[in-house]
Amino acid sequence: MIKARKNYESEVLENVPRNINDSEILHLLYTTDINWKYVDVIKTFTHFNDDVLSDWLNISVKTFREYKKPKSVFKENVKEQVLLLLSLIKHGTNIFGSVREFNNWLNTENFYFDSKSPALFMNTITGIKFIDDRLTAMEYGDNV
């Protein structure tokens, strides 16, 4: 079971772009079955609970938990948000060297986020893209 889980985690992360790229995200939206496995990878890597993740996806906790059912079909906006979050996590992990360090940064107040933690901005596409832009700036030497 653990080996199977590692395989689908690797498969999911391999398919998601390292940086948010609109054309790649659109391609994945229309060619890939975005399902609970993708959300489960987010849960595994971020260790955030259902309340936080449902907030990021702008759905109720009840709906979030309904998505765990095998035949559940995600709405398009939820699929997009899931892909963007995964891409952001992949990018952040690459910048910080580990999921743990990236999570620490996400939960620390930051000047560029109006002295709030970047995680508070993950419930909108614009917020996710802004965080990704900050990561890219950091990648090229801008302040944290």
N, C-alpha and C. Protein backbone atom coordinates (compact mmCIF):
# COMPACT_ATOMS: atom_id res chain seq x y z
N MET A 1 0.82 -1.20 0.00
CA MET A 1 0.00 0.00 0.00
C MET A 1 0.87 1.26 0.00
N ILE A 2 1.89 1.31 0.86
CA ILE A 2 2.75 2.49 0.92
C ILE A 2 3.48 2.69 -0.40
N LYS A 3 3.96 1.60 -1.00
CA LYS A 3 4.65 1.71 -2.28
C LYS A 3 3.71 2.24 -3.37
N ALA A 4 2.47 1.75 -3.39
CA ALA A 4 1.48 2.23 -4.37
C ALA A 4 1.23 3.72 -4.16
N ARG A 5 1.14 4.14 -2.91
CA ARG A 5 0.93 5.55 -2.60
C ARG A 5 2.09 6.39 -3.12
N LYS A 6 3.31 5.95 -2.88
CA LYS A 6 4.49 6.68 -3.35
C LYS A 6 4.48 6.79 -4.87
N ASN A 7 4.05 5.71 -5.54
CA ASN A 7 4.00 5.72 -7.00
C ASN A 7 3.03 6.77 -7.51
N TYR A 8 1.83 6.85 -6.95
CA TYR A 8 0.89 7.84 -7.47
C TYR A 8 1.30 9.24 -7.05
N GLU A 9 1.93 9.40 -5.89
CA GLU A 9 2.44 10.73 -5.53
C GLU A 9 3.47 11.19 -6.54
N SER A 10 4.39 10.31 -6.89
CA SER A 10 5.42 10.64 -7.89
C SER A 10 4.79 10.95 -9.24
N GLU A 11 3.81 10.13 -9.62
CA GLU A 11 3.14 10.32 -10.90
C GLU A 11 2.42 11.66 -10.96
N VAL A 12 1.71 11.99 -9.88
CA VAL A 12 0.98 13.26 -9.82
C VAL A 12 1.96 14.42 -9.91
N LEU A 13 3.00 14.40 -9.10
CA LEU A 13 3.96 15.51 -9.09
C LEU A 13 4.73 15.63 -10.39
N GLU A 14 4.99 14.50 -11.03
CA GLU A 14 5.70 14.52 -12.30
C GLU A 14 4.88 15.23 -13.38
N ASN A 15 3.56 15.07 -13.34
CA ASN A 15 2.68 15.66 -14.35
C ASN A 15 2.46 17.16 -14.16
N VAL A 16 2.65 17.64 -12.95
CA VAL A 16 2.36 19.05 -12.63
C VAL A 16 3.59 19.90 -12.94
N PRO A 17 3.39 21.06 -13.59
CA PRO A 17 4.55 21.91 -13.90
C PRO A 17 5.22 22.44 -12.62
N ARG A 18 6.54 22.66 -12.70
CA ARG A 18 7.31 23.15 -11.55
C ARG A 18 6.98 24.60 -11.22
N ASN A 19 6.64 25.36 -12.21
CA ASN A 19 6.19 26.75 -12.03
C ASN A 19 4.81 26.85 -12.65
N ILE A 20 4.02 27.76 -12.12
CA ILE A 20 2.68 27.94 -12.69
C ILE A 20 2.82 28.46 -14.11
N ASN A 21 2.24 27.72 -15.03
CA ASN A 21 2.28 28.06 -16.44
C ASN A 21 0.86 27.83 -16.96
N ASP A 22 0.21 28.92 -17.37
CA ASP A 22 -1.20 28.83 -17.77
C ASP A 22 -1.46 27.79 -18.85
N SER A 23 -0.62 27.73 -19.86
CA SER A 23 -0.88 26.78 -20.95
C SER A 23 -0.73 25.34 -20.47
N GLU A 24 0.23 25.07 -19.61
CA GLU A 24 0.38 23.71 -19.09
C GLU A 24 -0.78 23.34 -18.17
N ILE A 25 -1.21 24.29 -17.34
CA ILE A 25 -2.35 24.03 -16.46
C ILE A 25 -3.61 23.76 -17.29
N LEU A 26 -3.85 24.58 -18.30
CA LEU A 26 -5.02 24.35 -19.18
C LEU A 26 -4.95 22.99 -19.85
N HIS A 27 -3.78 22.63 -20.34
CA HIS A 27 -3.61 21.33 -20.99
C HIS A 27 -3.96 20.21 -20.01
N LEU A 28 -3.45 20.28 -18.80
CA LEU A 28 -3.74 19.25 -17.79
C LEU A 28 -5.23 19.21 -17.44
N LEU A 29 -5.86 20.38 -17.37
CA LEU A 29 -7.28 20.43 -17.04
C LEU A 29 -8.13 19.63 -18.03
N TYR A 30 -7.73 19.67 -19.29
CA TYR A 30 -8.54 19.03 -20.31
C TYR A 30 -8.04 17.66 -20.76
N THR A 31 -6.90 17.23 -20.24
CA THR A 31 -6.38 15.93 -20.67
C THR A 31 -6.16 14.95 -19.51
N THR A 32 -6.36 15.41 -18.29
CA THR A 32 -6.04 14.59 -17.12
C THR A 32 -7.24 14.50 -16.20
N ASP A 33 -7.43 13.35 -15.61
CA ASP A 33 -8.49 13.17 -14.63
C ASP A 33 -7.98 13.68 -13.29
N ILE A 34 -8.33 14.91 -12.96
CA ILE A 34 -7.93 15.50 -11.69
C ILE A 34 -8.92 15.01 -10.64
N ASN A 35 -8.44 14.18 -9.73
CA ASN A 35 -9.31 13.55 -8.76
C ASN A 35 -8.71 13.63 -7.36
N TRP A 36 -9.25 12.81 -6.46
CA TRP A 36 -8.82 12.87 -5.06
C TRP A 36 -7.33 12.60 -4.89
N LYS A 37 -6.74 11.79 -5.76
CA LYS A 37 -5.30 11.52 -5.64
C LYS A 37 -4.51 12.82 -5.62
N TYR A 38 -4.92 13.77 -6.43
CA TYR A 38 -4.20 15.05 -6.50
C TYR A 38 -4.35 15.83 -5.19
N VAL A 39 -5.55 15.81 -4.63
CA VAL A 39 -5.78 16.48 -3.35
C VAL A 39 -5.02 15.77 -2.24
N ASP A 40 -5.00 14.46 -2.31
CA ASP A 40 -4.29 13.68 -1.30
C ASP A 40 -2.80 14.01 -1.29
N VAL A 41 -2.24 14.26 -2.45
CA VAL A 41 -0.82 14.66 -2.52
C VAL A 41 -0.63 16.01 -1.83
N ILE A 42 -1.56 16.94 -2.03
CA ILE A 42 -1.49 18.23 -1.33
C ILE A 42 -1.53 18.00 0.17
N LYS A 43 -2.47 17.17 0.62
CA LYS A 43 -2.60 16.87 2.05
C LYS A 43 -1.31 16.26 2.59
N THR A 44 -0.74 15.32 1.85
CA THR A 44 0.47 14.63 2.29
C THR A 44 1.64 15.61 2.44
N PHE A 45 1.79 16.48 1.48
CA PHE A 45 2.94 17.36 1.49
C PHE A 45 2.79 18.58 2.39
N THR A 46 1.59 19.08 2.55
CA THR A 46 1.43 20.29 3.37
C THR A 46 1.06 19.99 4.81
N HIS A 47 0.45 18.85 5.04
CA HIS A 47 -0.02 18.47 6.38
C HIS A 47 -1.09 19.42 6.91
N PHE A 48 -1.73 20.18 6.03
CA PHE A 48 -2.84 21.02 6.46
C PHE A 48 -4.09 20.16 6.58
N ASN A 49 -4.99 20.54 7.46
CA ASN A 49 -6.19 19.74 7.70
C ASN A 49 -7.28 20.06 6.67
N ASP A 50 -8.38 19.30 6.76
CA ASP A 50 -9.49 19.45 5.81
C ASP A 50 -10.08 20.86 5.82
N ASP A 51 -10.13 21.48 7.00
CA ASP A 51 -10.68 22.84 7.09
C ASP A 51 -9.88 23.82 6.25
N VAL A 52 -8.57 23.77 6.37
CA VAL A 52 -7.69 24.69 5.63
C VAL A 52 -7.78 24.40 4.14
N LEU A 53 -7.68 23.13 3.77
CA LEU A 53 -7.69 22.79 2.35
C LEU A 53 -9.03 23.10 1.70
N SER A 54 -10.12 22.89 2.41
CA SER A 54 -11.43 23.22 1.84
C SER A 54 -11.56 24.73 1.66
N ASP A 55 -10.96 25.49 2.58
CA ASP A 55 -10.95 26.95 2.44
C ASP A 55 -10.15 27.35 1.20
N TRP A 56 -9.00 26.75 1.00
CA TRP A 56 -8.19 27.06 -0.19
C TRP A 56 -8.96 26.76 -1.47
N LEU A 57 -9.79 25.72 -1.46
CA LEU A 57 -10.54 25.34 -2.65
C LEU A 57 -11.91 26.01 -2.73
N ASN A 58 -12.22 26.83 -1.72
CA ASN A 58 -13.48 27.56 -1.68
C ASN A 58 -14.69 26.64 -1.73
N ILE A 59 -14.60 25.56 -0.97
CA ILE A 59 -15.71 24.63 -0.84
C ILE A 59 -15.91 24.31 0.65
N SER A 60 -17.07 23.79 0.98
CA SER A 60 -17.31 23.43 2.37
C SER A 60 -16.50 22.19 2.74
N VAL A 61 -16.28 21.99 4.02
CA VAL A 61 -15.57 20.80 4.48
C VAL A 61 -16.35 19.55 4.09
N LYS A 62 -17.68 19.63 4.15
CA LYS A 62 -18.52 18.49 3.77
C LYS A 62 -18.29 18.13 2.30
N THR A 63 -18.31 19.13 1.43
CA THR A 63 -18.06 18.88 0.00
C THR A 63 -16.66 18.34 -0.21
N PHE A 64 -15.70 18.93 0.50
CA PHE A 64 -14.31 18.47 0.42
C PHE A 64 -14.23 16.97 0.73
N ARG A 65 -14.89 16.57 1.79
CA ARG A 65 -14.86 15.15 2.19
C ARG A 65 -15.64 14.27 1.21
N GLU A 66 -16.66 14.82 0.57
CA GLU A 66 -17.41 14.06 -0.44
C GLU A 66 -16.51 13.74 -1.64
N TYR A 67 -15.56 14.62 -1.92
CA TYR A 67 -14.65 14.40 -3.05
C TYR A 67 -13.78 13.16 -2.85
N LYS A 68 -13.70 12.66 -1.63
CA LYS A 68 -12.90 11.46 -1.37
C LYS A 68 -13.54 10.21 -1.97
N LYS A 69 -14.83 10.27 -2.23
CA LYS A 69 -15.53 9.11 -2.79
C LYS A 69 -15.03 8.83 -4.20
N PRO A 70 -14.82 7.55 -4.52
CA PRO A 70 -14.21 7.17 -5.80
C PRO A 70 -14.87 7.74 -7.06
N LYS A 71 -16.17 7.89 -7.08
CA LYS A 71 -16.84 8.34 -8.32
C LYS A 71 -17.09 9.84 -8.34
N SER A 72 -16.51 10.55 -7.41
CA SER A 72 -16.70 12.01 -7.36
C SER A 72 -16.05 12.68 -8.55
N VAL A 73 -16.74 13.68 -9.07
CA VAL A 73 -16.22 14.47 -10.18
C VAL A 73 -16.04 15.90 -9.68
N PHE A 74 -14.84 16.39 -9.80
CA PHE A 74 -14.53 17.75 -9.34
C PHE A 74 -15.07 18.77 -10.33
N LYS A 75 -15.51 19.90 -9.81
CA LYS A 75 -15.88 21.02 -10.68
C LYS A 75 -14.60 21.58 -11.29
N GLU A 76 -14.74 22.21 -12.44
CA GLU A 76 -13.58 22.72 -13.17
C GLU A 76 -12.73 23.69 -12.33
N ASN A 77 -13.40 24.60 -11.59
CA ASN A 77 -12.64 25.56 -10.81
C ASN A 77 -11.86 24.88 -9.68
N VAL A 78 -12.40 23.80 -9.13
CA VAL A 78 -11.69 23.05 -8.09
C VAL A 78 -10.49 22.34 -8.70
N LYS A 79 -10.66 21.75 -9.87
CA LYS A 79 -9.55 21.09 -10.56
C LYS A 79 -8.41 22.08 -10.80
N GLU A 80 -8.78 23.26 -11.29
CA GLU A 80 -7.77 24.28 -11.57
C GLU A 80 -7.03 24.68 -10.29
N GLN A 81 -7.77 24.90 -9.24
CA GLN A 81 -7.17 25.31 -7.97
C GLN A 81 -6.23 24.21 -7.45
N VAL A 82 -6.63 22.96 -7.57
CA VAL A 82 -5.80 21.84 -7.14
C VAL A 82 -4.49 21.81 -7.92
N LEU A 83 -4.58 21.96 -9.24
CA LEU A 83 -3.36 21.96 -10.06
C LEU A 83 -2.45 23.13 -9.72
N LEU A 84 -3.03 24.30 -9.51
CA LEU A 84 -2.23 25.47 -9.15
C LEU A 84 -1.55 25.27 -7.80
N LEU A 85 -2.27 24.72 -6.84
CA LEU A 85 -1.68 24.48 -5.52
C LEU A 85 -0.54 23.47 -5.61
N LEU A 86 -0.74 22.42 -6.38
CA LEU A 86 0.33 21.42 -6.54
C LEU A 86 1.56 22.02 -7.21
N SER A 87 1.33 22.82 -8.23
CA SER A 87 2.45 23.47 -8.91
C SER A 87 3.19 24.41 -7.95
N LEU A 88 2.43 25.14 -7.16
CA LEU A 88 3.03 26.04 -6.16
C LEU A 88 3.84 25.25 -5.14
N ILE A 89 3.30 24.15 -4.66
CA ILE A 89 4.02 23.32 -3.69
C ILE A 89 5.31 22.77 -4.30
N LYS A 90 5.22 22.34 -5.53
CA LYS A 90 6.40 21.82 -6.22
C LYS A 90 7.46 22.92 -6.37
N HIS A 91 7.04 24.10 -6.75
CA HIS A 91 7.96 25.23 -6.91
C HIS A 91 8.58 25.61 -5.55
N GLY A 92 7.72 25.75 -4.54
CA GLY A 92 8.20 26.15 -3.22
C GLY A 92 9.16 25.14 -2.62
N THR A 93 8.87 23.87 -2.80
CA THR A 93 9.75 22.82 -2.29
C THR A 93 11.10 22.87 -2.98
N ASN A 94 11.08 23.16 -4.27
CA ASN A 94 12.33 23.29 -5.01
C ASN A 94 13.14 24.48 -4.51
N ILE A 95 12.50 25.60 -4.24
CA ILE A 95 13.20 26.80 -3.77
C ILE A 95 13.77 26.59 -2.36
N PHE A 96 12.95 26.03 -1.47
CA PHE A 96 13.35 25.91 -0.07
C PHE A 96 14.09 24.61 0.25
N GLY A 97 14.09 23.67 -0.67
CA GLY A 97 14.83 22.43 -0.46
C GLY A 97 14.05 21.34 0.25
N SER A 98 12.93 21.69 0.87
CA SER A 98 12.11 20.68 1.53
C SER A 98 10.70 21.21 1.71
N VAL A 99 9.75 20.31 1.81
CA VAL A 99 8.37 20.69 2.04
C VAL A 99 8.25 21.38 3.41
N ARG A 100 8.98 20.87 4.37
CA ARG A 100 8.92 21.43 5.73
C ARG A 100 9.33 22.91 5.74
N GLU A 101 10.43 23.23 5.08
CA GLU A 101 10.89 24.63 5.03
C GLU A 101 9.91 25.51 4.26
N PHE A 102 9.37 24.97 3.18
CA PHE A 102 8.37 25.72 2.42
C PHE A 102 7.14 25.98 3.27
N ASN A 103 6.66 24.96 3.98
CA ASN A 103 5.52 25.13 4.88
C ASN A 103 5.80 26.19 5.95
N ASN A 104 7.02 26.18 6.49
CA ASN A 104 7.39 27.20 7.48
C ASN A 104 7.28 28.60 6.87
N TRP A 105 7.77 28.76 5.66
CA TRP A 105 7.70 30.06 4.98
C TRP A 105 6.24 30.45 4.73
N LEU A 106 5.44 29.49 4.29
CA LEU A 106 4.02 29.77 4.02
C LEU A 106 3.29 30.28 5.26
N ASN A 107 3.72 29.85 6.43
CA ASN A 107 3.01 30.18 7.66
C ASN A 107 3.67 31.29 8.47
N THR A 108 4.64 31.97 7.88
CA THR A 108 5.33 33.05 8.56
C THR A 108 4.92 34.38 7.95
N GLU A 109 4.65 35.35 8.82
CA GLU A 109 4.29 36.68 8.32
C GLU A 109 5.39 37.20 7.41
N ASN A 110 4.96 37.91 6.36
CA ASN A 110 5.90 38.33 5.33
C ASN A 110 5.55 39.74 4.86
N PHE A 111 6.56 40.57 4.74
CA PHE A 111 6.40 41.95 4.30
C PHE A 111 5.64 42.04 2.97
N TYR A 112 5.97 41.17 2.03
CA TYR A 112 5.36 41.22 0.70
C TYR A 112 3.89 40.83 0.70
N PHE A 113 3.42 40.29 1.80
CA PHE A 113 2.03 39.87 1.91
C PHE A 113 1.30 40.69 2.97
N ASP A 114 1.67 41.98 3.02
CA ASP A 114 1.03 42.91 3.95
C ASP A 114 1.15 42.42 5.40
N SER A 115 2.34 41.89 5.71
CA SER A 115 2.67 41.36 7.04
C SER A 115 1.74 40.22 7.47
N LYS A 116 1.23 39.48 6.50
CA LYS A 116 0.43 38.28 6.76
C LYS A 116 1.20 37.08 6.22
N SER A 117 0.77 35.90 6.60
CA SER A 117 1.44 34.72 6.07
C SER A 117 0.95 34.44 4.64
N PRO A 118 1.83 34.01 3.76
CA PRO A 118 1.43 33.70 2.39
C PRO A 118 0.28 32.68 2.32
N ALA A 119 0.21 31.76 3.27
CA ALA A 119 -0.84 30.73 3.24
C ALA A 119 -2.23 31.34 3.23
N LEU A 120 -2.39 32.53 3.78
CA LEU A 120 -3.71 33.18 3.81
C LEU A 120 -4.19 33.58 2.42
N PHE A 121 -3.29 33.59 1.45
CA PHE A 121 -3.62 34.04 0.09
C PHE A 121 -3.86 32.87 -0.87
N MET A 122 -3.87 31.66 -0.33
CA MET A 122 -3.95 30.48 -1.20
C MET A 122 -5.37 30.09 -1.59
N ASN A 123 -6.35 30.90 -1.22
CA ASN A 123 -7.74 30.56 -1.57
C ASN A 123 -8.22 31.25 -2.84
N THR A 124 -7.33 31.97 -3.51
CA THR A 124 -7.69 32.56 -4.81
C THR A 124 -6.59 32.25 -5.83
N ILE A 125 -6.99 32.22 -7.07
CA ILE A 125 -6.02 31.99 -8.14
C ILE A 125 -5.00 33.13 -8.17
N THR A 126 -5.47 34.34 -8.01
CA THR A 126 -4.56 35.49 -7.99
C THR A 126 -3.57 35.37 -6.84
N GLY A 127 -4.05 34.95 -5.68
CA GLY A 127 -3.16 34.78 -4.53
C GLY A 127 -2.11 33.72 -4.77
N ILE A 128 -2.52 32.59 -5.34
CA ILE A 128 -1.58 31.50 -5.64
C ILE A 128 -0.53 31.99 -6.63
N LYS A 129 -0.97 32.71 -7.65
CA LYS A 129 -0.02 33.22 -8.64
C LYS A 129 0.92 34.26 -8.04
N PHE A 130 0.40 35.08 -7.12
CA PHE A 130 1.25 36.06 -6.46
C PHE A 130 2.32 35.36 -5.63
N ILE A 131 1.94 34.32 -4.90
CA ILE A 131 2.92 33.56 -4.12
C ILE A 131 3.95 32.95 -5.05
N ASP A 132 3.49 32.39 -6.16
CA ASP A 132 4.42 31.80 -7.13
C ASP A 132 5.38 32.85 -7.69
N ASP A 133 4.87 34.05 -7.96
CA ASP A 133 5.73 35.14 -8.43
C ASP A 133 6.79 35.50 -7.39
N ARG A 134 6.40 35.51 -6.11
CA ARG A 134 7.36 35.79 -5.03
C ARG A 134 8.43 34.71 -4.99
N LEU A 135 8.02 33.46 -5.18
CA LEU A 135 9.00 32.36 -5.19
C LEU A 135 9.98 32.53 -6.34
N THR A 136 9.46 32.92 -7.50
CA THR A 136 10.34 33.15 -8.65
C THR A 136 11.30 34.29 -8.37
N ALA A 137 10.81 35.36 -7.75
CA ALA A 137 11.69 36.49 -7.38
C ALA A 137 12.78 36.01 -6.43
N MET A 138 12.42 35.19 -5.46
CA MET A 138 13.40 34.66 -4.52
C MET A 138 14.42 33.78 -5.23
N GLU A 139 13.95 33.04 -6.20
CA GLU A 139 14.82 32.16 -6.98
C GLU A 139 15.91 32.97 -7.68
N TYR A 140 15.57 34.19 -8.04
CA TYR A 140 16.53 35.05 -8.76
C TYR A 140 17.16 36.10 -7.84
N GLY A 141 17.10 35.87 -6.53
CA GLY A 141 17.87 36.70 -5.61
C GLY A 141 17.12 37.79 -4.87
N ASP A 142 15.81 37.92 -5.10
CA ASP A 142 15.05 38.92 -4.36
C ASP A 142 14.88 38.45 -2.92
N ASN A 143 14.58 39.38 -2.04
CA ASN A 143 14.44 39.04 -0.62
C ASN A 143 13.30 38.07 -0.38
N VAL A 144 13.36 37.41 0.77
CA VAL A 144 12.36 36.43 1.17
C VAL A 144 11.10 37.16 1.52
